Full PDB file with SEQRES, HELIX, SHEET, SSBOND, CRYST1, ORIGX, SCALE, CONECT and MASTER records, all heavy atoms in Angstrom:
SEQRES   1 A   42  VAL SER VAL GLY MET LEU PHE ASP PRO ALA VAL VAL VAL          
SEQRES   2 A   42  GLU GLN PRO LEU PRO LEU MET ALA THR VAL ALA ILE ILE          
SEQRES   3 A   42  LEU PHE GLY LYS SER PHE ALA ALA TYR LEU ILE VAL LYS          
SEQRES   4 A   42  ALA PHE GLY                                                  
HELIX    1 AA1 SER A    2  MET A    5  1                                   4    
HELIX    2 AA2 VAL A   11  GLU A   14  1                                   4    
HELIX    3 AA3 PRO A   16  ALA A   24  1                                   9    
HELIX    4 AA4 ILE A   25  GLY A   29  3                                   5    
HELIX    5 AA5 LYS A   30  ALA A   40  1                                  11    
CRYST1    1.000    1.000    1.000  90.00  90.00  90.00 P 1           1          
ORIGX1      1.000000  0.000000  0.000000        0.00000                         
ORIGX2      0.000000  1.000000  0.000000        0.00000                         
ORIGX3      0.000000  0.000000  1.000000        0.00000                         
SCALE1      1.000000  0.000000  0.000000        0.00000                         
SCALE2      0.000000  1.000000  0.000000        0.00000                         
SCALE3      0.000000  0.000000  1.000000        0.00000                         
ATOM      1  N   VAL A   1     -35.815 -49.498 -85.626  1.00  0.00           N  
ATOM      2  CA  VAL A   1     -35.077 -48.727 -86.659  1.00  0.00           C  
ATOM      3  C   VAL A   1     -35.146 -47.260 -86.363  1.00  0.00           C  
ATOM      4  O   VAL A   1     -34.154 -46.516 -86.444  1.00  0.00           O  
ATOM      5  CB  VAL A   1     -35.676 -49.035 -88.081  1.00  0.00           C  
ATOM      6  CG1 VAL A   1     -35.123 -48.056 -89.109  1.00  0.00           C  
ATOM      7  CG2 VAL A   1     -35.382 -50.449 -88.475  1.00  0.00           C  
ATOM      8  N   SER A   2     -36.326 -46.757 -85.965  1.00  0.00           N  
ATOM      9  CA  SER A   2     -36.478 -45.330 -85.685  1.00  0.00           C  
ATOM     10  C   SER A   2     -35.630 -44.916 -84.461  1.00  0.00           C  
ATOM     11  O   SER A   2     -35.096 -43.810 -84.414  1.00  0.00           O  
ATOM     12  CB  SER A   2     -37.960 -44.991 -85.419  1.00  0.00           C  
ATOM     13  OG  SER A   2     -38.394 -45.517 -84.190  1.00  0.00           O  
ATOM     14  N   VAL A   3     -35.515 -45.843 -83.500  1.00  0.00           N  
ATOM     15  CA  VAL A   3     -34.644 -45.599 -82.332  1.00  0.00           C  
ATOM     16  C   VAL A   3     -33.197 -45.487 -82.792  1.00  0.00           C  
ATOM     17  O   VAL A   3     -32.451 -44.590 -82.368  1.00  0.00           O  
ATOM     18  CB  VAL A   3     -34.792 -46.701 -81.310  1.00  0.00           C  
ATOM     19  CG1 VAL A   3     -33.727 -46.590 -80.204  1.00  0.00           C  
ATOM     20  CG2 VAL A   3     -36.184 -46.633 -80.658  1.00  0.00           C  
ATOM     21  N   GLY A   4     -32.778 -46.407 -83.678  1.00  0.00           N  
ATOM     22  CA  GLY A   4     -31.413 -46.358 -84.173  1.00  0.00           C  
ATOM     23  C   GLY A   4     -31.093 -45.090 -84.946  1.00  0.00           C  
ATOM     24  O   GLY A   4     -29.961 -44.592 -84.899  1.00  0.00           O  
ATOM     25  N   MET A   5     -32.106 -44.514 -85.608  1.00  0.00           N  
ATOM     26  CA  MET A   5     -31.900 -43.280 -86.365  1.00  0.00           C  
ATOM     27  C   MET A   5     -31.554 -42.121 -85.427  1.00  0.00           C  
ATOM     28  O   MET A   5     -30.927 -41.145 -85.882  1.00  0.00           O  
ATOM     29  CB  MET A   5     -33.193 -42.927 -87.139  1.00  0.00           C  
ATOM     30  CG  MET A   5     -33.434 -43.812 -88.350  1.00  0.00           C  
ATOM     31  SD  MET A   5     -35.014 -43.450 -89.138  1.00  0.00           S  
ATOM     32  CE  MET A   5     -34.729 -41.761 -89.694  1.00  0.00           C  
ATOM     33  N   LEU A   6     -31.942 -42.225 -84.181  1.00  0.00           N  
ATOM     34  CA  LEU A   6     -31.665 -41.128 -83.219  1.00  0.00           C  
ATOM     35  C   LEU A   6     -30.257 -41.207 -82.631  1.00  0.00           C  
ATOM     36  O   LEU A   6     -29.783 -40.263 -82.013  1.00  0.00           O  
ATOM     37  CB  LEU A   6     -32.682 -41.190 -82.083  1.00  0.00           C  
ATOM     38  CG  LEU A   6     -34.168 -41.032 -82.459  1.00  0.00           C  
ATOM     39  CD1 LEU A   6     -35.025 -41.309 -81.248  1.00  0.00           C  
ATOM     40  CD2 LEU A   6     -34.420 -39.652 -83.033  1.00  0.00           C  
ATOM     41  N   PHE A   7     -29.572 -42.344 -82.867  1.00  0.00           N  
ATOM     42  CA  PHE A   7     -28.268 -42.567 -82.258  1.00  0.00           C  
ATOM     43  C   PHE A   7     -27.160 -41.914 -83.065  1.00  0.00           C  
ATOM     44  O   PHE A   7     -27.049 -42.182 -84.271  1.00  0.00           O  
ATOM     45  CB  PHE A   7     -27.986 -44.086 -82.109  1.00  0.00           C  
ATOM     46  CG  PHE A   7     -26.659 -44.398 -81.529  1.00  0.00           C  
ATOM     47  CD1 PHE A   7     -26.298 -43.985 -80.274  1.00  0.00           C  
ATOM     48  CD2 PHE A   7     -25.732 -45.127 -82.267  1.00  0.00           C  
ATOM     49  CE1 PHE A   7     -25.073 -44.279 -79.764  1.00  0.00           C  
ATOM     50  CE2 PHE A   7     -24.484 -45.439 -81.754  1.00  0.00           C  
ATOM     51  CZ  PHE A   7     -24.144 -45.005 -80.492  1.00  0.00           C  
ATOM     52  N   ASP A   8     -26.337 -41.150 -82.423  1.00  0.00           N  
ATOM     53  CA  ASP A   8     -25.202 -40.519 -83.062  1.00  0.00           C  
ATOM     54  C   ASP A   8     -23.940 -41.303 -82.723  1.00  0.00           C  
ATOM     55  O   ASP A   8     -23.470 -41.284 -81.539  1.00  0.00           O  
ATOM     56  CB  ASP A   8     -25.017 -39.051 -82.568  1.00  0.00           C  
ATOM     57  CG  ASP A   8     -23.908 -38.348 -83.300  1.00  0.00           C  
ATOM     58  OD1 ASP A   8     -23.230 -38.958 -84.120  1.00  0.00           O  
ATOM     59  OD2 ASP A   8     -23.706 -37.141 -82.968  1.00  0.00           O  
ATOM     60  N   PRO A   9     -23.371 -42.061 -83.676  1.00  0.00           N  
ATOM     61  CA  PRO A   9     -22.192 -42.879 -83.381  1.00  0.00           C  
ATOM     62  C   PRO A   9     -21.026 -42.107 -82.857  1.00  0.00           C  
ATOM     63  O   PRO A   9     -20.103 -42.680 -82.243  1.00  0.00           O  
ATOM     64  CB  PRO A   9     -21.883 -43.534 -84.746  1.00  0.00           C  
ATOM     65  CG  PRO A   9     -23.126 -43.425 -85.548  1.00  0.00           C  
ATOM     66  CD  PRO A   9     -23.804 -42.164 -85.086  1.00  0.00           C  
ATOM     67  N   ALA A  10     -21.025 -40.779 -83.083  1.00  0.00           N  
ATOM     68  CA  ALA A  10     -19.910 -39.961 -82.621  1.00  0.00           C  
ATOM     69  C   ALA A  10     -19.750 -40.008 -81.099  1.00  0.00           C  
ATOM     70  O   ALA A  10     -18.688 -39.657 -80.560  1.00  0.00           O  
ATOM     71  CB  ALA A  10     -20.071 -38.513 -83.081  1.00  0.00           C  
ATOM     72  N   VAL A  11     -20.831 -40.396 -80.398  1.00  0.00           N  
ATOM     73  CA  VAL A  11     -20.770 -40.433 -78.932  1.00  0.00           C  
ATOM     74  C   VAL A  11     -19.679 -41.407 -78.440  1.00  0.00           C  
ATOM     75  O   VAL A  11     -19.087 -41.209 -77.387  1.00  0.00           O  
ATOM     76  CB  VAL A  11     -22.181 -40.848 -78.364  1.00  0.00           C  
ATOM     77  CG1 VAL A  11     -22.449 -42.321 -78.619  1.00  0.00           C  
ATOM     78  CG2 VAL A  11     -22.203 -40.566 -76.841  1.00  0.00           C  
ATOM     79  N   VAL A  12     -19.367 -42.408 -79.236  1.00  0.00           N  
ATOM     80  CA  VAL A  12     -18.336 -43.392 -78.871  1.00  0.00           C  
ATOM     81  C   VAL A  12     -16.977 -42.702 -78.791  1.00  0.00           C  
ATOM     82  O   VAL A  12     -16.158 -43.019 -77.926  1.00  0.00           O  
ATOM     83  CB  VAL A  12     -18.305 -44.545 -79.911  1.00  0.00           C  
ATOM     84  CG1 VAL A  12     -17.199 -45.535 -79.565  1.00  0.00           C  
ATOM     85  CG2 VAL A  12     -19.629 -45.252 -79.987  1.00  0.00           C  
ATOM     86  N   VAL A  13     -16.724 -41.715 -79.668  1.00  0.00           N  
ATOM     87  CA  VAL A  13     -15.462 -41.013 -79.690  1.00  0.00           C  
ATOM     88  C   VAL A  13     -15.490 -39.780 -78.761  1.00  0.00           C  
ATOM     89  O   VAL A  13     -14.502 -39.491 -78.044  1.00  0.00           O  
ATOM     90  CB  VAL A  13     -15.097 -40.558 -81.126  1.00  0.00           C  
ATOM     91  CG1 VAL A  13     -13.810 -39.783 -81.178  1.00  0.00           C  
ATOM     92  CG2 VAL A  13     -15.008 -41.785 -82.043  1.00  0.00           C  
ATOM     93  N   GLU A  14     -16.628 -39.073 -78.804  1.00  0.00           N  
ATOM     94  CA  GLU A  14     -16.716 -37.809 -78.061  1.00  0.00           C  
ATOM     95  C   GLU A  14     -16.961 -37.993 -76.570  1.00  0.00           C  
ATOM     96  O   GLU A  14     -16.562 -37.189 -75.769  1.00  0.00           O  
ATOM     97  CB  GLU A  14     -17.836 -36.950 -78.667  1.00  0.00           C  
ATOM     98  CG  GLU A  14     -17.559 -36.521 -80.112  1.00  0.00           C  
ATOM     99  CD  GLU A  14     -18.752 -35.840 -80.746  1.00  0.00           C  
ATOM    100  OE1 GLU A  14     -19.839 -35.746 -80.062  1.00  0.00           O  
ATOM    101  OE2 GLU A  14     -18.662 -35.397 -81.900  1.00  0.00           O  
ATOM    102  N   GLN A  15     -17.697 -39.093 -76.195  1.00  0.00           N  
ATOM    103  CA  GLN A  15     -17.989 -39.330 -74.786  1.00  0.00           C  
ATOM    104  C   GLN A  15     -17.695 -40.741 -74.379  1.00  0.00           C  
ATOM    105  O   GLN A  15     -18.554 -41.481 -73.886  1.00  0.00           O  
ATOM    106  CB  GLN A  15     -19.467 -39.047 -74.501  1.00  0.00           C  
ATOM    107  CG  GLN A  15     -19.898 -37.616 -74.799  1.00  0.00           C  
ATOM    108  CD  GLN A  15     -21.356 -37.367 -74.340  1.00  0.00           C  
ATOM    109  OE1 GLN A  15     -21.635 -37.342 -73.152  1.00  0.00           O  
ATOM    110  NE2 GLN A  15     -22.226 -37.224 -75.282  1.00  0.00           N  
ATOM    111  N   PRO A  16     -16.429 -41.196 -74.538  1.00  0.00           N  
ATOM    112  CA  PRO A  16     -16.097 -42.595 -74.265  1.00  0.00           C  
ATOM    113  C   PRO A  16     -16.278 -42.981 -72.763  1.00  0.00           C  
ATOM    114  O   PRO A  16     -16.775 -44.032 -72.454  1.00  0.00           O  
ATOM    115  CB  PRO A  16     -14.644 -42.735 -74.695  1.00  0.00           C  
ATOM    116  CG  PRO A  16     -14.112 -41.337 -74.664  1.00  0.00           C  
ATOM    117  CD  PRO A  16     -15.254 -40.451 -75.052  1.00  0.00           C  
ATOM    118  N   LEU A  17     -15.880 -42.042 -71.886  1.00  0.00           N  
ATOM    119  CA  LEU A  17     -15.965 -42.372 -70.455  1.00  0.00           C  
ATOM    120  C   LEU A  17     -17.387 -42.436 -69.968  1.00  0.00           C  
ATOM    121  O   LEU A  17     -17.769 -43.403 -69.242  1.00  0.00           O  
ATOM    122  CB  LEU A  17     -15.148 -41.353 -69.633  1.00  0.00           C  
ATOM    123  CG  LEU A  17     -13.600 -41.422 -69.875  1.00  0.00           C  
ATOM    124  CD1 LEU A  17     -12.926 -40.343 -69.024  1.00  0.00           C  
ATOM    125  CD2 LEU A  17     -13.083 -42.789 -69.503  1.00  0.00           C  
ATOM    126  N   PRO A  18     -18.271 -41.452 -70.268  1.00  0.00           N  
ATOM    127  CA  PRO A  18     -19.671 -41.601 -69.903  1.00  0.00           C  
ATOM    128  C   PRO A  18     -20.342 -42.820 -70.500  1.00  0.00           C  
ATOM    129  O   PRO A  18     -21.166 -43.470 -69.824  1.00  0.00           O  
ATOM    130  CB  PRO A  18     -20.320 -40.284 -70.460  1.00  0.00           C  
ATOM    131  CG  PRO A  18     -19.218 -39.315 -70.509  1.00  0.00           C  
ATOM    132  CD  PRO A  18     -17.995 -40.108 -70.861  1.00  0.00           C  
ATOM    133  N   LEU A  19     -19.988 -43.181 -71.733  1.00  0.00           N  
ATOM    134  CA  LEU A  19     -20.525 -44.381 -72.333  1.00  0.00           C  
ATOM    135  C   LEU A  19     -20.099 -45.633 -71.595  1.00  0.00           C  
ATOM    136  O   LEU A  19     -20.895 -46.543 -71.333  1.00  0.00           O  
ATOM    137  CB  LEU A  19     -20.114 -44.465 -73.812  1.00  0.00           C  
ATOM    138  CG  LEU A  19     -20.656 -45.693 -74.598  1.00  0.00           C  
ATOM    139  CD1 LEU A  19     -22.189 -45.747 -74.591  1.00  0.00           C  
ATOM    140  CD2 LEU A  19     -20.142 -45.694 -76.028  1.00  0.00           C  
ATOM    141  N   MET A  20     -18.801 -45.693 -71.227  1.00  0.00           N  
ATOM    142  CA  MET A  20     -18.299 -46.830 -70.459  1.00  0.00           C  
ATOM    143  C   MET A  20     -18.978 -46.925 -69.101  1.00  0.00           C  
ATOM    144  O   MET A  20     -19.282 -48.024 -68.652  1.00  0.00           O  
ATOM    145  CB  MET A  20     -16.802 -46.728 -70.310  1.00  0.00           C  
ATOM    146  CG  MET A  20     -16.005 -46.979 -71.587  1.00  0.00           C  
ATOM    147  SD  MET A  20     -14.225 -46.560 -71.420  1.00  0.00           S  
ATOM    148  CE  MET A  20     -13.756 -47.728 -70.159  1.00  0.00           C  
ATOM    149  N   ALA A  21     -19.200 -45.776 -68.484  1.00  0.00           N  
ATOM    150  CA  ALA A  21     -19.898 -45.771 -67.180  1.00  0.00           C  
ATOM    151  C   ALA A  21     -21.333 -46.259 -67.327  1.00  0.00           C  
ATOM    152  O   ALA A  21     -21.838 -47.008 -66.467  1.00  0.00           O  
ATOM    153  CB  ALA A  21     -19.876 -44.339 -66.580  1.00  0.00           C  
ATOM    154  N   THR A  22     -21.996 -45.826 -68.399  1.00  0.00           N  
ATOM    155  CA  THR A  22     -23.381 -46.274 -68.657  1.00  0.00           C  
ATOM    156  C   THR A  22     -23.426 -47.800 -68.851  1.00  0.00           C  
ATOM    157  O   THR A  22     -24.288 -48.447 -68.260  1.00  0.00           O  
ATOM    158  CB  THR A  22     -23.928 -45.565 -69.929  1.00  0.00           C  
ATOM    159  OG1 THR A  22     -23.896 -44.168 -69.744  1.00  0.00           O  
ATOM    160  CG2 THR A  22     -25.367 -46.016 -70.187  1.00  0.00           C  
ATOM    161  N   VAL A  23     -22.473 -48.311 -69.654  1.00  0.00           N  
ATOM    162  CA  VAL A  23     -22.449 -49.768 -69.903  1.00  0.00           C  
ATOM    163  C   VAL A  23     -22.153 -50.478 -68.595  1.00  0.00           C  
ATOM    164  O   VAL A  23     -22.705 -51.545 -68.312  1.00  0.00           O  
ATOM    165  CB  VAL A  23     -21.357 -50.091 -70.979  1.00  0.00           C  
ATOM    166  CG1 VAL A  23     -21.157 -51.578 -71.073  1.00  0.00           C  
ATOM    167  CG2 VAL A  23     -21.782 -49.506 -72.301  1.00  0.00           C  
ATOM    168  N   ALA A  24     -21.281 -49.921 -67.757  1.00  0.00           N  
ATOM    169  CA  ALA A  24     -20.934 -50.556 -66.474  1.00  0.00           C  
ATOM    170  C   ALA A  24     -22.149 -50.633 -65.580  1.00  0.00           C  
ATOM    171  O   ALA A  24     -22.355 -51.659 -64.904  1.00  0.00           O  
ATOM    172  CB  ALA A  24     -19.811 -49.771 -65.790  1.00  0.00           C  
ATOM    173  N   ILE A  25     -22.971 -49.598 -65.542  1.00  0.00           N  
ATOM    174  CA  ILE A  25     -24.200 -49.616 -64.736  1.00  0.00           C  
ATOM    175  C   ILE A  25     -25.111 -50.753 -65.200  1.00  0.00           C  
ATOM    176  O   ILE A  25     -25.686 -51.485 -64.386  1.00  0.00           O  
ATOM    177  CB  ILE A  25     -24.924 -48.257 -64.811  1.00  0.00           C  
ATOM    178  CG1 ILE A  25     -24.112 -47.193 -64.072  1.00  0.00           C  
ATOM    179  CG2 ILE A  25     -26.324 -48.353 -64.186  1.00  0.00           C  
ATOM    180  CD1 ILE A  25     -24.633 -45.790 -64.276  1.00  0.00           C  
ATOM    181  N   ILE A  26     -25.272 -50.876 -66.528  1.00  0.00           N  
ATOM    182  CA  ILE A  26     -26.171 -51.877 -67.091  1.00  0.00           C  
ATOM    183  C   ILE A  26     -25.659 -53.315 -66.853  1.00  0.00           C  
ATOM    184  O   ILE A  26     -26.378 -54.162 -66.401  1.00  0.00           O  
ATOM    185  CB  ILE A  26     -26.373 -51.654 -68.590  1.00  0.00           C  
ATOM    186  CG1 ILE A  26     -26.978 -50.290 -68.872  1.00  0.00           C  
ATOM    187  CG2 ILE A  26     -27.269 -52.756 -69.189  1.00  0.00           C  
ATOM    188  CD1 ILE A  26     -26.949 -49.857 -70.336  1.00  0.00           C  
ATOM    189  N   LEU A  27     -24.370 -53.506 -67.180  1.00  0.00           N  
ATOM    190  CA  LEU A  27     -23.812 -54.878 -67.131  1.00  0.00           C  
ATOM    191  C   LEU A  27     -23.479 -55.335 -65.701  1.00  0.00           C  
ATOM    192  O   LEU A  27     -23.635 -56.516 -65.386  1.00  0.00           O  
ATOM    193  CB  LEU A  27     -22.586 -54.979 -67.999  1.00  0.00           C  
ATOM    194  CG  LEU A  27     -22.783 -54.834 -69.517  1.00  0.00           C  
ATOM    195  CD1 LEU A  27     -21.423 -55.037 -70.234  1.00  0.00           C  
ATOM    196  CD2 LEU A  27     -23.790 -55.831 -70.044  1.00  0.00           C  
ATOM    197  N   PHE A  28     -22.977 -54.410 -64.899  1.00  0.00           N  
ATOM    198  CA  PHE A  28     -22.460 -54.783 -63.594  1.00  0.00           C  
ATOM    199  C   PHE A  28     -23.224 -54.210 -62.418  1.00  0.00           C  
ATOM    200  O   PHE A  28     -23.502 -54.881 -61.425  1.00  0.00           O  
ATOM    201  CB  PHE A  28     -20.969 -54.454 -63.492  1.00  0.00           C  
ATOM    202  CG  PHE A  28     -20.139 -54.994 -64.607  1.00  0.00           C  
ATOM    203  CD1 PHE A  28     -19.578 -54.163 -65.527  1.00  0.00           C  
ATOM    204  CD2 PHE A  28     -19.988 -56.347 -64.759  1.00  0.00           C  
ATOM    205  CE1 PHE A  28     -18.811 -54.678 -66.598  1.00  0.00           C  
ATOM    206  CE2 PHE A  28     -19.230 -56.898 -65.806  1.00  0.00           C  
ATOM    207  CZ  PHE A  28     -18.651 -56.039 -66.723  1.00  0.00           C  
ATOM    208  N   GLY A  29     -23.602 -52.900 -62.528  1.00  0.00           N  
ATOM    209  CA  GLY A  29     -24.273 -52.256 -61.418  1.00  0.00           C  
ATOM    210  C   GLY A  29     -25.581 -52.873 -61.062  1.00  0.00           C  
ATOM    211  O   GLY A  29     -25.749 -53.384 -59.929  1.00  0.00           O  
ATOM    212  N   LYS A  30     -26.526 -52.881 -61.994  1.00  0.00           N  
ATOM    213  CA  LYS A  30     -27.853 -53.399 -61.685  1.00  0.00           C  
ATOM    214  C   LYS A  30     -27.854 -54.917 -61.563  1.00  0.00           C  
ATOM    215  O   LYS A  30     -28.661 -55.474 -60.787  1.00  0.00           O  
ATOM    216  CB  LYS A  30     -28.905 -52.919 -62.714  1.00  0.00           C  
ATOM    217  CG  LYS A  30     -28.825 -53.525 -64.098  1.00  0.00           C  
ATOM    218  CD  LYS A  30     -30.090 -53.087 -64.836  1.00  0.00           C  
ATOM    219  CE  LYS A  30     -30.219 -53.826 -66.166  1.00  0.00           C  
ATOM    220  NZ  LYS A  30     -31.531 -53.744 -66.738  1.00  0.00           N  
ATOM    221  N   SER A  31     -26.977 -55.628 -62.309  1.00  0.00           N  
ATOM    222  CA  SER A  31     -26.958 -57.073 -62.170  1.00  0.00           C  
ATOM    223  C   SER A  31     -26.375 -57.497 -60.866  1.00  0.00           C  
ATOM    224  O   SER A  31     -26.825 -58.472 -60.240  1.00  0.00           O  
ATOM    225  CB  SER A  31     -26.168 -57.699 -63.329  1.00  0.00           C  
ATOM    226  OG  SER A  31     -24.833 -57.208 -63.377  1.00  0.00           O  
ATOM    227  N   PHE A  32     -25.378 -56.700 -60.341  1.00  0.00           N  
ATOM    228  CA  PHE A  32     -24.811 -57.038 -59.003  1.00  0.00           C  
ATOM    229  C   PHE A  32     -25.833 -56.798 -57.933  1.00  0.00           C  
ATOM    230  O   PHE A  32     -25.956 -57.555 -56.947  1.00  0.00           O  
ATOM    231  CB  PHE A  32     -23.557 -56.217 -58.765  1.00  0.00           C  
ATOM    232  CG  PHE A  32     -22.884 -56.495 -57.462  1.00  0.00           C  
ATOM    233  CD1 PHE A  32     -22.339 -57.759 -57.221  1.00  0.00           C  
ATOM    234  CD2 PHE A  32     -22.774 -55.539 -56.458  1.00  0.00           C  
ATOM    235  CE1 PHE A  32     -21.709 -58.044 -55.996  1.00  0.00           C  
ATOM    236  CE2 PHE A  32     -22.138 -55.827 -55.256  1.00  0.00           C  
ATOM    237  CZ  PHE A  32     -21.619 -57.058 -55.014  1.00  0.00           C  
ATOM    238  N   ALA A  33     -26.640 -55.723 -58.086  1.00  0.00           N  
ATOM    239  CA  ALA A  33     -27.743 -55.464 -57.156  1.00  0.00           C  
ATOM    240  C   ALA A  33     -28.730 -56.612 -57.157  1.00  0.00           C  
ATOM    241  O   ALA A  33     -29.160 -57.078 -56.074  1.00  0.00           O  
ATOM    242  CB  ALA A  33     -28.423 -54.145 -57.531  1.00  0.00           C  
ATOM    243  N   ALA A  34     -29.080 -57.117 -58.341  1.00  0.00           N  
ATOM    244  CA  ALA A  34     -30.031 -58.257 -58.441  1.00  0.00           C  
ATOM    245  C   ALA A  34     -29.422 -59.497 -57.793  1.00  0.00           C  
ATOM    246  O   ALA A  34     -30.132 -60.214 -57.098  1.00  0.00           O  
ATOM    247  CB  ALA A  34     -30.331 -58.534 -59.906  1.00  0.00           C  
ATOM    248  N   TYR A  35     -28.110 -59.713 -57.996  1.00  0.00           N  
ATOM    249  CA  TYR A  35     -27.438 -60.859 -57.398  1.00  0.00           C  
ATOM    250  C   TYR A  35     -27.555 -60.812 -55.852  1.00  0.00           C  
ATOM    251  O   TYR A  35     -27.907 -61.802 -55.227  1.00  0.00           O  
ATOM    252  CB  TYR A  35     -25.960 -60.885 -57.813  1.00  0.00           C  
ATOM    253  CG  TYR A  35     -25.141 -62.020 -57.202  1.00  0.00           C  
ATOM    254  CD1 TYR A  35     -25.126 -63.257 -57.747  1.00  0.00           C  
ATOM    255  CD2 TYR A  35     -24.410 -61.755 -56.040  1.00  0.00           C  
ATOM    256  CE1 TYR A  35     -24.375 -64.280 -57.193  1.00  0.00           C  
ATOM    257  CE2 TYR A  35     -23.669 -62.764 -55.456  1.00  0.00           C  
ATOM    258  CZ  TYR A  35     -23.652 -64.019 -56.013  1.00  0.00           C  
ATOM    259  OH  TYR A  35     -22.920 -65.006 -55.432  1.00  0.00           O  
ATOM    260  N   LEU A  36     -27.251 -59.660 -55.273  1.00  0.00           N  
ATOM    261  CA  LEU A  36     -27.291 -59.507 -53.838  1.00  0.00           C  
ATOM    262  C   LEU A  36     -28.711 -59.700 -53.310  1.00  0.00           C  
ATOM    263  O   LEU A  36     -28.930 -60.310 -52.228  1.00  0.00           O  
ATOM    264  CB  LEU A  36     -26.782 -58.134 -53.422  1.00  0.00           C  
ATOM    265  CG  LEU A  36     -25.262 -57.878 -53.660  1.00  0.00           C  
ATOM    266  CD1 LEU A  36     -24.934 -56.432 -53.279  1.00  0.00           C  
ATOM    267  CD2 LEU A  36     -24.413 -58.844 -52.887  1.00  0.00           C  
ATOM    268  N   ILE A  37     -29.703 -59.175 -54.022  1.00  0.00           N  
ATOM    269  CA  ILE A  37     -31.105 -59.301 -53.595  1.00  0.00           C  
ATOM    270  C   ILE A  37     -31.533 -60.765 -53.584  1.00  0.00           C  
ATOM    271  O   ILE A  37     -32.119 -61.240 -52.617  1.00  0.00           O  
ATOM    272  CB  ILE A  37     -32.024 -58.468 -54.506  1.00  0.00           C  
ATOM    273  CG1 ILE A  37     -31.756 -56.963 -54.368  1.00  0.00           C  
ATOM    274  CG2 ILE A  37     -33.495 -58.761 -54.208  1.00  0.00           C  
ATOM    275  CD1 ILE A  37     -32.295 -56.110 -55.505  1.00  0.00           C  
ATOM    276  N   VAL A  38     -31.224 -61.504 -54.661  1.00  0.00           N  
ATOM    277  CA  VAL A  38     -31.583 -62.909 -54.762  1.00  0.00           C  
ATOM    278  C   VAL A  38     -30.927 -63.710 -53.632  1.00  0.00           C  
ATOM    279  O   VAL A  38     -31.551 -64.566 -52.991  1.00  0.00           O  
ATOM    280  CB  VAL A  38     -31.282 -63.507 -56.136  1.00  0.00           C  
ATOM    281  CG1 VAL A  38     -31.561 -64.998 -56.189  1.00  0.00           C  
ATOM    282  CG2 VAL A  38     -32.048 -62.767 -57.202  1.00  0.00           C  
ATOM    283  N   LYS A  39     -29.668 -63.409 -53.386  1.00  0.00           N  
ATOM    284  CA  LYS A  39     -28.924 -64.126 -52.311  1.00  0.00           C  
ATOM    285  C   LYS A  39     -29.541 -63.785 -50.950  1.00  0.00           C  
ATOM    286  O   LYS A  39     -29.636 -64.675 -50.052  1.00  0.00           O  
ATOM    287  CB  LYS A  39     -27.432 -63.718 -52.322  1.00  0.00           C  
ATOM    288  CG  LYS A  39     -26.645 -64.312 -53.484  1.00  0.00           C  
ATOM    289  CD  LYS A  39     -26.454 -65.843 -53.354  1.00  0.00           C  
ATOM    290  CE  LYS A  39     -25.433 -66.144 -52.310  1.00  0.00           C  
ATOM    291  NZ  LYS A  39     -25.187 -67.595 -52.171  1.00  0.00           N  
ATOM    292  N   ALA A  40     -29.931 -62.502 -50.755  1.00  0.00           N  
ATOM    293  CA  ALA A  40     -30.528 -62.068 -49.509  1.00  0.00           C  
ATOM    294  C   ALA A  40     -31.846 -62.825 -49.190  1.00  0.00           C  
ATOM    295  O   ALA A  40     -32.199 -62.979 -48.018  1.00  0.00           O  
ATOM    296  CB  ALA A  40     -30.782 -60.565 -49.510  1.00  0.00           C  
ATOM    297  N   PHE A  41     -32.534 -63.262 -50.240  1.00  0.00           N  
ATOM    298  CA  PHE A  41     -33.762 -64.023 -50.075  1.00  0.00           C  
ATOM    299  C   PHE A  41     -33.500 -65.522 -49.851  1.00  0.00           C  
ATOM    300  O   PHE A  41     -34.438 -66.326 -49.842  1.00  0.00           O  
ATOM    301  CB  PHE A  41     -34.711 -63.823 -51.261  1.00  0.00           C  
ATOM    302  CG  PHE A  41     -35.546 -62.575 -51.152  1.00  0.00           C  
ATOM    303  CD1 PHE A  41     -35.038 -61.352 -51.560  1.00  0.00           C  
ATOM    304  CD2 PHE A  41     -36.828 -62.648 -50.648  1.00  0.00           C  
ATOM    305  CE1 PHE A  41     -35.827 -60.202 -51.491  1.00  0.00           C  
ATOM    306  CE2 PHE A  41     -37.609 -61.475 -50.550  1.00  0.00           C  
ATOM    307  CZ  PHE A  41     -37.086 -60.290 -50.950  1.00  0.00           C  
ATOM    308  N   GLY A  42     -32.230 -65.893 -49.739  1.00  0.00           N  
ATOM    309  CA  GLY A  42     -31.890 -67.299 -49.383  1.00  0.00           C  
ATOM    310  C   GLY A  42     -31.795 -68.216 -50.558  1.00  0.00           C  
ATOM    311  O   GLY A  42     -31.737 -69.456 -50.338  1.00  0.00           O  
TER     312      GLY A  42                                                      
MASTER        0    0    0    5    0    0    0    6  311    1    0    4          
END                                                                             
């Protein structure tokens, strides 16, 4: 709850592109890296 209190919802409107890039890193960037690493280990 205290973490949520720090969040300013205006960031969705004011910084849509940085937010989309952040979400892309979480959902696709690091997960794709994990996928390649697991495949590399056979």
